[in-house]
Amino acid sequence: MYEALNFDFGLTLKLQPELQAEEFEADRAGMLLAGAAGFDPDEMLGFFRKLTDQFDDTGSVINTHPAAKERWRRALAVRYSAQVLRARSHAVAQP
């Protein structure tokens, strides 16, 4: 994608909010799809928790990805829905 943008710093900076919004949507969709497939959504929350522990999200001029703490917070908000989907997938799988 950066190559398609021709490494245009100004354009990348302008697109930063949109790029971050796409990451949030990908996280949300990933949690819901994983839950529907029978996977535990808490595993993804654990991944985001590790990100918050390992990376300092401050000091970068360009942040195409949202802050790890915000990604974790938003994933937490989707947790219940993902758990419901997981429970339904287990119920369907039972004969």
PDB file of N, CA and C in Angstrom:
ATOM      1  N   MET A   1       0.813  -1.182   0.000  1.00  0.00           N
ATOM      2  CA  MET A   1       0.000   0.000   0.000  1.00  0.00           C
ATOM      3  C   MET A   1       0.863   1.254   0.000  1.00  0.00           C
ATOM      4  N   TYR A   2       1.939   1.225   0.773  1.00  0.00           N
ATOM      5  CA  TYR A   2       2.798   2.404   0.819  1.00  0.00           C
ATOM      6  C   TYR A   2       3.448   2.653  -0.536  1.00  0.00           C
ATOM      7  N   GLU A   3       3.750   1.558  -1.231  1.00  0.00           N
ATOM      8  CA  GLU A   3       4.315   1.708  -2.563  1.00  0.00           C
ATOM      9  C   GLU A   3       3.301   2.366  -3.489  1.00  0.00           C
ATOM     10  N   ALA A   4       2.032   1.974  -3.366  1.00  0.00           N
ATOM     11  CA  ALA A   4       0.978   2.574  -4.186  1.00  0.00           C
ATOM     12  C   ALA A   4       0.836   4.067  -3.874  1.00  0.00           C
ATOM     13  N   LEU A   5       1.075   4.429  -2.634  1.00  0.00           N
ATOM     14  CA  LEU A   5       1.034   5.843  -2.249  1.00  0.00           C
ATOM     15  C   LEU A   5       2.313   6.570  -2.660  1.00  0.00           C
ATOM     16  N   ASN A   6       3.233   5.808  -3.276  1.00  0.00           N
ATOM     17  CA  ASN A   6       4.515   6.347  -3.721  1.00  0.00           C
ATOM     18  C   ASN A   6       5.296   6.945  -2.549  1.00  0.00           C
ATOM     19  N   PHE A   7       5.099   6.349  -1.382  1.00  0.00           N
ATOM     20  CA  PHE A   7       5.773   6.790  -0.156  1.00  0.00           C
ATOM     21  C   PHE A   7       5.582   8.289   0.067  1.00  0.00           C
ATOM     22  N   ASP A   8       4.399   8.776  -0.250  1.00  0.00           N
ATOM     23  CA  ASP A   8       4.053  10.189  -0.104  1.00  0.00           C
ATOM     24  C   ASP A   8       3.737  10.460   1.367  1.00  0.00           C
ATOM     25  N   PHE A   9       4.667  11.095   2.062  1.00  0.00           N
ATOM     26  CA  PHE A   9       4.529  11.358   3.488  1.00  0.00           C
ATOM     27  C   PHE A   9       3.278  12.180   3.788  1.00  0.00           C
ATOM     28  N   GLY A  10       3.053  13.221   3.026  1.00  0.00           N
ATOM     29  CA  GLY A  10       1.901  14.088   3.264  1.00  0.00           C
ATOM     30  C   GLY A  10       0.584  13.356   3.074  1.00  0.00           C
ATOM     31  N   LEU A  11       0.494  12.553   2.023  1.00  0.00           N
ATOM     32  CA  LEU A  11      -0.724  11.804   1.765  1.00  0.00           C
ATOM     33  C   LEU A  11      -0.950  10.751   2.850  1.00  0.00           C
ATOM     34  N   THR A  12       0.105  10.072   3.236  1.00  0.00           N
ATOM     35  CA  THR A  12      -0.012   9.074   4.297  1.00  0.00           C
ATOM     36  C   THR A  12      -0.484   9.726   5.588  1.00  0.00           C
ATOM     37  N   LEU A  13       0.046  10.893   5.886  1.00  0.00           N
ATOM     38  CA  LEU A  13      -0.362  11.622   7.086  1.00  0.00           C
ATOM     39  C   LEU A  13      -1.848  12.000   7.012  1.00  0.00           C
ATOM     40  N   LYS A  14      -2.295  12.432   5.851  1.00  0.00           N
ATOM     41  CA  LYS A  14      -3.708  12.787   5.678  1.00  0.00           C
ATOM     42  C   LYS A  14      -4.618  11.564   5.785  1.00  0.00           C
ATOM     43  N   LEU A  15      -4.147  10.417   5.321  1.00  0.00           N
ATOM     44  CA  LEU A  15      -4.949   9.193   5.343  1.00  0.00           C
ATOM     45  C   LEU A  15      -4.896   8.459   6.684  1.00  0.00           C
ATOM     46  N   GLN A  16      -4.064   8.929   7.573  1.00  0.00           N
ATOM     47  CA  GLN A  16      -3.867   8.257   8.862  1.00  0.00           C
ATOM     48  C   GLN A  16      -5.169   7.935   9.596  1.00  0.00           C
ATOM     49  N   PRO A  17      -6.127   8.855   9.728  1.00  0.00           N
ATOM     50  CA  PRO A  17      -7.382   8.507  10.420  1.00  0.00           C
ATOM     51  C   PRO A  17      -8.147   7.387   9.721  1.00  0.00           C
ATOM     52  N   GLU A  18      -8.157   7.402   8.400  1.00  0.00           N
ATOM     53  CA  GLU A  18      -8.856   6.357   7.649  1.00  0.00           C
ATOM     54  C   GLU A  18      -8.148   5.007   7.809  1.00  0.00           C
ATOM     55  N   LEU A  19      -6.840   5.017   7.775  1.00  0.00           N
ATOM     56  CA  LEU A  19      -6.082   3.775   7.949  1.00  0.00           C
ATOM     57  C   LEU A  19      -6.332   3.184   9.336  1.00  0.00           C
ATOM     58  N   GLN A  20      -6.387   4.038  10.337  1.00  0.00           N
ATOM     59  CA  GLN A  20      -6.660   3.558  11.693  1.00  0.00           C
ATOM     60  C   GLN A  20      -8.082   3.019  11.813  1.00  0.00           C
ATOM     61  N   ALA A  21      -9.040   3.688  11.176  1.00  0.00           N
ATOM     62  CA  ALA A  21     -10.424   3.216  11.203  1.00  0.00           C
ATOM     63  C   ALA A  21     -10.532   1.840  10.560  1.00  0.00           C
ATOM     64  N   GLU A  22      -9.788   1.618   9.499  1.00  0.00           N
ATOM     65  CA  GLU A  22      -9.790   0.303   8.846  1.00  0.00           C
ATOM     66  C   GLU A  22      -9.209  -0.771   9.763  1.00  0.00           C
ATOM     67  N   GLU A  23      -8.200  -0.428  10.538  1.00  0.00           N
ATOM     68  CA  GLU A  23      -7.629  -1.383  11.490  1.00  0.00           C
ATOM     69  C   GLU A  23      -8.642  -1.743  12.576  1.00  0.00           C
ATOM     70  N   PHE A  24      -9.366  -0.740  13.071  1.00  0.00           N
ATOM     71  CA  PHE A  24     -10.407  -1.016  14.074  1.00  0.00           C
ATOM     72  C   PHE A  24     -11.461  -1.956  13.496  1.00  0.00           C
ATOM     73  N   GLU A  25     -11.866  -1.701  12.261  1.00  0.00           N
ATOM     74  CA  GLU A  25     -12.875  -2.545  11.628  1.00  0.00           C
ATOM     75  C   GLU A  25     -12.346  -3.964  11.421  1.00  0.00           C
ATOM     76  N   ALA A  26     -11.101  -4.092  11.043  1.00  0.00           N
ATOM     77  CA  ALA A  26     -10.508  -5.419  10.872  1.00  0.00           C
ATOM     78  C   ALA A  26     -10.455  -6.162  12.206  1.00  0.00           C
ATOM     79  N   ASP A  27     -10.116  -5.463  13.269  1.00  0.00           N
ATOM     80  CA  ASP A  27     -10.090  -6.082  14.600  1.00  0.00           C
ATOM     81  C   ASP A  27     -11.486  -6.565  14.990  1.00  0.00           C
ATOM     82  N   ARG A  28     -12.481  -5.722  14.770  1.00  0.00           N
ATOM     83  CA  ARG A  28     -13.867  -6.059  15.116  1.00  0.00           C
ATOM     84  C   ARG A  28     -14.339  -7.269  14.321  1.00  0.00           C
ATOM     85  N   ALA A  29     -14.127  -7.222  13.020  1.00  0.00           N
ATOM     86  CA  ALA A  29     -14.545  -8.335  12.167  1.00  0.00           C
ATOM     87  C   ALA A  29     -13.815  -9.619  12.549  1.00  0.00           C
ATOM     88  N   GLY A  30     -12.536  -9.497  12.865  1.00  0.00           N
ATOM     89  CA  GLY A  30     -11.761 -10.667  13.266  1.00  0.00           C
ATOM     90  C   GLY A  30     -12.300 -11.301  14.532  1.00  0.00           C
ATOM     91  N   MET A  31     -12.654 -10.480  15.505  1.00  0.00           N
ATOM     92  CA  MET A  31     -13.216 -11.012  16.752  1.00  0.00           C
ATOM     93  C   MET A  31     -14.540 -11.725  16.491  1.00  0.00           C
ATOM     94  N   LEU A  32     -15.405 -11.110  15.706  1.00  0.00           N
ATOM     95  CA  LEU A  32     -16.718 -11.697  15.443  1.00  0.00           C
ATOM     96  C   LEU A  32     -16.606 -12.974  14.610  1.00  0.00           C
ATOM     97  N   LEU A  33     -15.772 -12.955  13.594  1.00  0.00           N
ATOM     98  CA  LEU A  33     -15.587 -14.150  12.766  1.00  0.00           C
ATOM     99  C   LEU A  33     -14.954 -15.286  13.564  1.00  0.00           C
ATOM    100  N   ALA A  34     -13.983 -14.956  14.395  1.00  0.00           N
ATOM    101  CA  ALA A  34     -13.355 -15.986  15.223  1.00  0.00           C
ATOM    102  C   ALA A  34     -14.369 -16.593  16.180  1.00  0.00           C
ATOM    103  N   GLY A  35     -15.196 -15.758  16.787  1.00  0.00           N
ATOM    104  CA  GLY A  35     -16.232 -16.261  17.680  1.00  0.00           C
ATOM    105  C   GLY A  35     -17.204 -17.163  16.946  1.00  0.00           C
ATOM    106  N   ALA A  36     -17.639 -16.744  15.762  1.00  0.00           N
ATOM    107  CA  ALA A  36     -18.571 -17.544  14.970  1.00  0.00           C
ATOM    108  C   ALA A  36     -17.953 -18.874  14.556  1.00  0.00           C
ATOM    109  N   ALA A  37     -16.639 -18.904  14.410  1.00  0.00           N
ATOM    110  CA  ALA A  37     -15.940 -20.136  14.034  1.00  0.00           C
ATOM    111  C   ALA A  37     -15.651 -21.023  15.243  1.00  0.00           C
ATOM    112  N   GLY A  38     -16.009 -20.544  16.442  1.00  0.00           N
ATOM    113  CA  GLY A  38     -15.838 -21.358  17.639  1.00  0.00           C
ATOM    114  C   GLY A  38     -14.593 -21.057  18.450  1.00  0.00           C
ATOM    115  N   PHE A  39     -13.854 -20.024  18.061  1.00  0.00           N
ATOM    116  CA  PHE A  39     -12.643 -19.672  18.800  1.00  0.00           C
ATOM    117  C   PHE A  39     -12.975 -18.742  19.965  1.00  0.00           C
ATOM    118  N   ASP A  40     -12.168 -18.800  20.986  1.00  0.00           N
ATOM    119  CA  ASP A  40     -12.363 -17.999  22.186  1.00  0.00           C
ATOM    120  C   ASP A  40     -11.930 -16.554  21.929  1.00  0.00           C
ATOM    121  N   PRO A  41     -12.850 -15.586  22.007  1.00  0.00           N
ATOM    122  CA  PRO A  41     -12.490 -14.188  21.772  1.00  0.00           C
ATOM    123  C   PRO A  41     -11.494 -13.642  22.791  1.00  0.00           C
ATOM    124  N   ASP A  42     -11.418 -14.262  23.946  1.00  0.00           N
ATOM    125  CA  ASP A  42     -10.462 -13.795  24.951  1.00  0.00           C
ATOM    126  C   ASP A  42      -9.022 -13.976  24.493  1.00  0.00           C
ATOM    127  N   GLU A  43      -8.803 -14.893  23.555  1.00  0.00           N
ATOM    128  CA  GLU A  43      -7.447 -15.069  23.018  1.00  0.00           C
ATOM    129  C   GLU A  43      -6.996 -13.812  22.273  1.00  0.00           C
ATOM    130  N   MET A  44      -7.903 -13.205  21.528  1.00  0.00           N
ATOM    131  CA  MET A  44      -7.549 -11.977  20.819  1.00  0.00           C
ATOM    132  C   MET A  44      -7.353 -10.830  21.796  1.00  0.00           C
ATOM    133  N   LEU A  45      -8.163 -10.801  22.842  1.00  0.00           N
ATOM    134  CA  LEU A  45      -7.961  -9.781  23.881  1.00  0.00           C
ATOM    135  C   LEU A  45      -6.589  -9.934  24.518  1.00  0.00           C
ATOM    136  N   GLY A  46      -6.176 -11.171  24.725  1.00  0.00           N
ATOM    137  CA  GLY A  46      -4.844 -11.421  25.263  1.00  0.00           C
ATOM    138  C   GLY A  46      -3.760 -10.904  24.338  1.00  0.00           C
ATOM    139  N   PHE A  47      -3.967 -11.065  23.041  1.00  0.00           N
ATOM    140  CA  PHE A  47      -3.020 -10.544  22.056  1.00  0.00           C
ATOM    141  C   PHE A  47      -2.903  -9.029  22.177  1.00  0.00           C
ATOM    142  N   PHE A  48      -4.042  -8.342  22.247  1.00  0.00           N
ATOM    143  CA  PHE A  48      -4.008  -6.886  22.372  1.00  0.00           C
ATOM    144  C   PHE A  48      -3.396  -6.450  23.697  1.00  0.00           C
ATOM    145  N   ARG A  49      -3.617  -7.209  24.758  1.00  0.00           N
ATOM    146  CA  ARG A  49      -3.017  -6.891  26.051  1.00  0.00           C
ATOM    147  C   ARG A  49      -1.495  -6.972  25.944  1.00  0.00           C
ATOM    148  N   LYS A  50      -1.005  -7.990  25.242  1.00  0.00           N
ATOM    149  CA  LYS A  50       0.444  -8.111  25.034  1.00  0.00           C
ATOM    150  C   LYS A  50       0.978  -6.928  24.242  1.00  0.00           C
ATOM    151  N   LEU A  51       0.216  -6.487  23.236  1.00  0.00           N
ATOM    152  CA  LEU A  51       0.638  -5.314  22.473  1.00  0.00           C
ATOM    153  C   LEU A  51       0.768  -4.089  23.367  1.00  0.00           C
ATOM    154  N   THR A  52      -0.195  -3.890  24.252  1.00  0.00           N
ATOM    155  CA  THR A  52      -0.144  -2.716  25.124  1.00  0.00           C
ATOM    156  C   THR A  52       1.041  -2.790  26.071  1.00  0.00           C
ATOM    157  N   ASP A  53       1.404  -4.010  26.472  1.00  0.00           N
ATOM    158  CA  ASP A  53       2.539  -4.177  27.380  1.00  0.00           C
ATOM    159  C   ASP A  53       3.883  -3.987  26.682  1.00  0.00           C
ATOM    160  N   GLN A  54       3.934  -4.287  25.385  1.00  0.00           N
ATOM    161  CA  GLN A  54       5.213  -4.303  24.679  1.00  0.00           C
ATOM    162  C   GLN A  54       5.526  -3.041  23.892  1.00  0.00           C
ATOM    163  N   PHE A  55       4.498  -2.298  23.499  1.00  0.00           N
ATOM    164  CA  PHE A  55       4.747  -1.169  22.612  1.00  0.00           C
ATOM    165  C   PHE A  55       4.263   0.139  23.208  1.00  0.00           C
ATOM    166  N   ASP A  56       5.117   1.135  23.091  1.00  0.00           N
ATOM    167  CA  ASP A  56       4.773   2.496  23.478  1.00  0.00           C
ATOM    168  C   ASP A  56       4.261   3.190  22.223  1.00  0.00           C
ATOM    169  N   ASP A  57       3.019   3.623  22.235  1.00  0.00           N
ATOM    170  CA  ASP A  57       2.398   4.187  21.042  1.00  0.00           C
ATOM    171  C   ASP A  57       2.623   5.697  20.896  1.00  0.00           C
ATOM    172  N   THR A  58       3.498   6.237  21.663  1.00  0.00           N
ATOM    173  CA  THR A  58       3.732   7.676  21.578  1.00  0.00           C
ATOM    174  C   THR A  58       5.030   7.957  20.829  1.00  0.00           C
ATOM    175  N   GLY A  59       5.117   9.134  20.297  1.00  0.00           N
ATOM    176  CA  GLY A  59       6.359   9.597  19.714  1.00  0.00           C
ATOM    177  C   GLY A  59       6.524   9.361  18.225  1.00  0.00           C
ATOM    178  N   SER A  60       5.605   8.691  17.579  1.00  0.00           N
ATOM    179  CA  SER A  60       5.726   8.448  16.149  1.00  0.00           C
ATOM    180  C   SER A  60       4.979   9.533  15.386  1.00  0.00           C
ATOM    181  N   VAL A  61       5.561   9.983  14.296  1.00  0.00           N
ATOM    182  CA  VAL A  61       4.926  11.012  13.479  1.00  0.00           C
ATOM    183  C   VAL A  61       3.740  10.419  12.728  1.00  0.00           C
ATOM    184  N   ILE A  62       3.920   9.230  12.156  1.00  0.00           N
ATOM    185  CA  ILE A  62       2.849   8.563  11.423  1.00  0.00           C
ATOM    186  C   ILE A  62       2.441   7.319  12.183  1.00  0.00           C
ATOM    187  N   ASN A  63       1.163   7.222  12.445  1.00  0.00           N
ATOM    188  CA  ASN A  63       0.606   6.048  13.109  1.00  0.00           C
ATOM    189  C   ASN A  63      -0.505   5.487  12.234  1.00  0.00           C
ATOM    190  N   THR A  64      -0.158   4.581  11.336  1.00  0.00           N
ATOM    191  CA  THR A  64      -1.173   3.987  10.478  1.00  0.00           C
ATOM    192  C   THR A  64      -2.024   2.988  11.246  1.00  0.00           C
ATOM    193  N   HIS A  65      -1.487   2.496  12.368  1.00  0.00           N
ATOM    194  CA  HIS A  65      -2.241   1.603  13.242  1.00  0.00           C
ATOM    195  C   HIS A  65      -2.619   2.377  14.507  1.00  0.00           C
ATOM    196  N   PRO A  66      -3.800   2.122  15.026  1.00  0.00           N
ATOM    197  CA  PRO A  66      -4.223   2.807  16.247  1.00  0.00           C
ATOM    198  C   PRO A  66      -3.367   2.378  17.445  1.00  0.00           C
ATOM    199  N   ALA A  67      -3.455   3.152  18.494  1.00  0.00           N
ATOM    200  CA  ALA A  67      -2.746   2.816  19.726  1.00  0.00           C
ATOM    201  C   ALA A  67      -3.237   1.466  20.245  1.00  0.00           C
ATOM    202  N   ALA A  68      -2.319   0.665  20.729  1.00  0.00           N
ATOM    203  CA  ALA A  68      -2.644  -0.688  21.203  1.00  0.00           C
ATOM    204  C   ALA A  68      -3.686  -0.660  22.316  1.00  0.00           C
ATOM    205  N   LYS A  69      -3.592   0.312  23.205  1.00  0.00           N
ATOM    206  CA  LYS A  69      -4.572   0.396  24.300  1.00  0.00           C
ATOM    207  C   LYS A  69      -5.982   0.642  23.775  1.00  0.00           C
ATOM    208  N   GLU A  70      -6.091   1.466  22.745  1.00  0.00           N
ATOM    209  CA  GLU A  70      -7.399   1.737  22.161  1.00  0.00           C
ATOM    210  C   GLU A  70      -7.919   0.519  21.406  1.00  0.00           C
ATOM    211  N   ARG A  71      -7.033  -0.208  20.747  1.00  0.00           N
ATOM    212  CA  ARG A  71      -7.450  -1.438  20.062  1.00  0.00           C
ATOM    213  C   ARG A  71      -7.965  -2.449  21.083  1.00  0.00           C
ATOM    214  N   TRP A  72      -7.285  -2.571  22.211  1.00  0.00           N
ATOM    215  CA  TRP A  72      -7.716  -3.490  23.264  1.00  0.00           C
ATOM    216  C   TRP A  72      -9.072  -3.065  23.819  1.00  0.00           C
ATOM    217  N   ARG A  73      -9.225  -1.762  24.058  1.00  0.00           N
ATOM    218  CA  ARG A  73     -10.484  -1.250  24.607  1.00  0.00           C
ATOM    219  C   ARG A  73     -11.649  -1.531  23.665  1.00  0.00           C
ATOM    220  N   ARG A  74     -11.452  -1.308  22.381  1.00  0.00           N
ATOM    221  CA  ARG A  74     -12.520  -1.543  21.407  1.00  0.00           C
ATOM    222  C   ARG A  74     -12.802  -3.034  21.232  1.00  0.00           C
ATOM    223  N   ALA A  75     -11.763  -3.848  21.299  1.00  0.00           N
ATOM    224  CA  ALA A  75     -11.960  -5.300  21.216  1.00  0.00           C
ATOM    225  C   ALA A  75     -12.746  -5.783  22.427  1.00  0.00           C
ATOM    226  N   LEU A  76     -12.485  -5.203  23.571  1.00  0.00           N
ATOM    227  CA  LEU A  76     -13.217  -5.554  24.785  1.00  0.00           C
ATOM    228  C   LEU A  76     -14.711  -5.259  24.617  1.00  0.00           C
ATOM    229  N   ALA A  77     -15.020  -4.183  23.908  1.00  0.00           N
ATOM    230  CA  ALA A  77     -16.416  -3.812  23.680  1.00  0.00           C
ATOM    231  C   ALA A  77     -17.139  -4.814  22.766  1.00  0.00           C
ATOM    232  N   VAL A  78     -16.399  -5.562  21.955  1.00  0.00           N
ATOM    233  CA  VAL A  78     -16.978  -6.541  21.033  1.00  0.00           C
ATOM    234  C   VAL A  78     -16.990  -7.943  21.653  1.00  0.00           C
ATOM    235  N   ARG A  79     -16.340  -8.090  22.767  1.00  0.00           N
ATOM    236  CA  ARG A  79     -16.159  -9.399  23.397  1.00  0.00           C
ATOM    237  C   ARG A  79     -17.476 -10.155  23.602  1.00  0.00           C
ATOM    238  N   TYR A  80     -18.458  -9.497  24.162  1.00  0.00           N
ATOM    239  CA  TYR A  80     -19.725 -10.170  24.455  1.00  0.00           C
ATOM    240  C   TYR A  80     -20.357 -10.736  23.183  1.00  0.00           C
ATOM    241  N   SER A  81     -20.416  -9.929  22.139  1.00  0.00           N
ATOM    242  CA  SER A  81     -21.001 -10.387  20.872  1.00  0.00           C
ATOM    243  C   SER A  81     -20.228 -11.575  20.312  1.00  0.00           C
ATOM    244  N   ALA A  82     -18.919 -11.525  20.404  1.00  0.00           N
ATOM    245  CA  ALA A  82     -18.100 -12.635  19.915  1.00  0.00           C
ATOM    246  C   ALA A  82     -18.337 -13.895  20.748  1.00  0.00           C
ATOM    247  N   GLN A  83     -18.536 -13.723  22.053  1.00  0.00           N
ATOM    248  CA  GLN A  83     -18.817 -14.871  22.913  1.00  0.00           C
ATOM    249  C   GLN A  83     -20.172 -15.493  22.579  1.00  0.00           C
ATOM    250  N   VAL A  84     -21.166 -14.654  22.282  1.00  0.00           N
ATOM    251  CA  VAL A  84     -22.487 -15.157  21.891  1.00  0.00           C
ATOM    252  C   VAL A  84     -22.367 -15.961  20.601  1.00  0.00           C
ATOM    253  N   LEU A  85     -21.643 -15.436  19.638  1.00  0.00           N
ATOM    254  CA  LEU A  85     -21.450 -16.155  18.384  1.00  0.00           C
ATOM    255  C   LEU A  85     -20.731 -17.481  18.612  1.00  0.00           C
ATOM    256  N   ARG A  86     -19.765 -17.479  19.504  1.00  0.00           N
ATOM    257  CA  ARG A  86     -19.053 -18.713  19.819  1.00  0.00           C
ATOM    258  C   ARG A  86     -19.995 -19.745  20.440  1.00  0.00           C
ATOM    259  N   ALA A  87     -20.816 -19.296  21.387  1.00  0.00           N
ATOM    260  CA  ALA A  87     -21.763 -20.204  22.043  1.00  0.00           C
ATOM    261  C   ALA A  87     -22.738 -20.788  21.023  1.00  0.00           C
ATOM    262  N   ARG A  88     -23.185 -19.952  20.096  1.00  0.00           N
ATOM    263  CA  ARG A  88     -24.109 -20.446  19.068  1.00  0.00           C
ATOM    264  C   ARG A  88     -23.430 -21.443  18.144  1.00  0.00           C
ATOM    265  N   SER A  89     -22.168 -21.215  17.843  1.00  0.00           N
ATOM    266  CA  SER A  89     -21.460 -22.139  16.950  1.00  0.00           C
ATOM    267  C   SER A  89     -21.297 -23.503  17.631  1.00  0.00           C
ATOM    268  N   HIS A  90     -21.097 -23.491  18.947  1.00  0.00           N
ATOM    269  CA  HIS A  90     -20.981 -24.754  19.694  1.00  0.00           C
ATOM    270  C   HIS A  90     -22.334 -25.450  19.763  1.00  0.00           C
ATOM    271  N   ALA A  91     -23.406 -24.683  19.905  1.00  0.00           N
ATOM    272  CA  ALA A  91     -24.743 -25.267  19.979  1.00  0.00           C
ATOM    273  C   ALA A  91     -25.131 -25.928  18.660  1.00  0.00           C
ATOM    274  N   VAL A  92     -24.753 -25.305  17.548  1.00  0.00           N
ATOM    275  CA  VAL A  92     -25.056 -25.844  16.222  1.00  0.00           C
ATOM    276  C   VAL A  92     -24.231 -27.111  15.986  1.00  0.00           C
ATOM    277  N   ALA A  93     -23.017 -27.131  16.486  1.00  0.00           N
ATOM    278  CA  ALA A  93     -22.129 -28.270  16.255  1.00  0.00           C
ATOM    279  C   ALA A  93     -22.565 -29.510  17.024  1.00  0.00           C
ATOM    280  N   GLN A  94     -23.363 -29.332  18.089  1.00  0.00           N
ATOM    281  CA  GLN A  94     -23.835 -30.468  18.872  1.00  0.00           C
ATOM    282  C   GLN A  94     -24.937 -31.202  18.115  1.00  0.00           C
ATOM    283  N   PRO A  95     -24.865 -32.546  18.050  1.00  0.00           N
ATOM    284  CA  PRO A  95     -25.913 -33.295  17.344  1.00  0.00           C
ATOM    285  C   PRO A  95     -27.217 -33.325  18.093  1.00  0.00           C
TER     286      PRO A  95
END
